[in-house]
Amino acid sequence: RMRRRIIESFMCTMQADLAAIADEYGLTGRRFGPERVRLQQMARDGVVEISGEHVRLTEVGRPFVRAVAAVFDTYIGTGAAKHSRAV
């Protein structure tokens, strides 16, 4: 549910406060190690800006919102269902 909330936040507002959302679920915002590594690469590419626990898509990154949201989707690549992909 927490990951769904993060994905929804990116898709609707182009940003997410990971700590605030984790707090909504009684968890710490420092739990996204692998996701942070992927987000850092996206930051180097100019797709997102990271400020502490807050991640915001840049204007350049807006077309890639699905790719950013997919960082938090644990089901992508694990099931038989096919998902549309961002190019």
Protein backbone atom coordinates (compact mmCIF):
# COMPACT_ATOMS: atom_id res chain seq x y z
CA ARG A 1 0.00 0.00 0.00
CA MET A 2 2.85 2.36 0.81
CA ARG A 3 4.52 1.72 -2.54
CA ARG A 4 1.19 2.27 -4.29
CA ARG A 5 0.92 5.61 -2.48
CA ILE A 6 4.43 6.62 -3.63
CA ILE A 7 3.65 5.64 -7.22
CA GLU A 8 0.38 7.54 -7.07
CA SER A 9 2.18 10.60 -5.75
CA PHE A 10 4.64 10.59 -8.66
CA MET A 11 1.93 9.99 -11.24
CA CYS A 12 -0.40 12.71 -9.90
CA THR A 13 1.93 15.42 -8.58
CA MET A 14 5.31 14.62 -10.20
CA GLN A 15 6.90 14.41 -6.76
CA ALA A 16 6.98 12.32 -3.60
CA ASP A 17 8.12 12.89 -0.04
CA LEU A 18 9.34 9.41 0.85
CA ALA A 19 9.66 10.12 4.58
CA ALA A 20 6.19 11.64 4.87
CA ILE A 21 4.59 8.75 3.01
CA ALA A 22 6.52 6.18 5.05
CA ASP A 23 5.39 7.97 8.22
CA GLU A 24 1.78 7.57 7.06
CA TYR A 25 2.37 3.82 7.31
CA GLY A 26 4.38 3.92 10.54
CA LEU A 27 7.68 3.18 8.78
CA THR A 28 10.95 5.00 8.42
CA GLY A 29 11.75 6.82 5.17
CA ARG A 30 15.26 5.33 5.11
CA ARG A 31 14.06 1.92 3.90
CA PHE A 32 14.45 2.42 0.15
CA GLY A 33 18.14 1.59 -0.41
CA PRO A 34 17.94 -0.04 -3.87
CA GLU A 35 15.38 2.50 -5.02
CA ARG A 36 17.61 5.37 -3.94
CA VAL A 37 20.46 3.97 -6.04
CA ARG A 38 18.22 3.97 -9.12
CA LEU A 39 16.90 7.45 -8.31
CA GLN A 40 20.47 8.77 -7.96
CA GLN A 41 21.20 7.60 -11.52
CA MET A 42 18.03 9.36 -12.69
CA ALA A 43 19.19 12.49 -10.85
CA ARG A 44 22.55 12.35 -12.66
CA ASP A 45 20.60 12.12 -15.93
CA GLY A 46 18.53 15.20 -14.99
CA VAL A 47 15.22 13.30 -14.70
CA VAL A 48 14.66 13.96 -10.97
CA GLU A 49 15.93 16.26 -8.25
CA ILE A 50 16.50 14.77 -4.81
CA SER A 51 16.49 16.91 -1.68
CA GLY A 52 16.75 14.77 1.43
CA GLU A 53 13.67 12.53 1.34
CA HIS A 54 11.86 14.58 -1.29
CA VAL A 55 12.06 13.49 -4.95
CA ARG A 56 10.71 15.75 -7.70
CA LEU A 57 10.63 15.20 -11.44
CA THR A 58 12.30 17.93 -13.47
CA GLU A 59 10.74 19.41 -16.60
CA VAL A 60 13.10 17.19 -18.60
CA GLY A 61 11.96 14.20 -16.54
CA ARG A 62 8.19 14.70 -16.85
CA PRO A 63 7.87 12.40 -19.89
CA PHE A 64 9.60 9.69 -17.82
CA VAL A 65 7.19 9.78 -14.87
CA ARG A 66 6.23 6.15 -15.45
CA ALA A 67 9.87 5.07 -15.32
CA VAL A 68 10.39 6.96 -12.05
CA ALA A 69 7.24 5.48 -10.52
CA ALA A 70 8.32 2.01 -11.68
CA VAL A 71 11.36 2.25 -9.40
CA PHE A 72 8.94 1.56 -6.53
CA ASP A 73 6.88 -1.15 -8.27
CA THR A 74 7.92 -4.52 -6.83
CA TYR A 75 5.74 -6.42 -9.30
CA ILE A 76 7.42 -5.26 -12.50
CA GLY A 77 9.47 -8.09 -13.91
CA THR A 78 8.30 -10.67 -11.37
CA GLY A 79 4.96 -11.87 -12.73
CA ALA A 80 3.51 -13.34 -15.88
CA ALA A 81 1.50 -10.19 -16.53
CA LYS A 82 2.91 -7.80 -19.07
CA HIS A 83 3.06 -4.11 -18.24
CA SER A 84 3.41 -1.32 -20.71
CA ARG A 85 6.83 0.23 -20.58
CA ALA A 86 8.07 3.76 -20.93
CA VAL A 87 10.40 4.11 -23.89
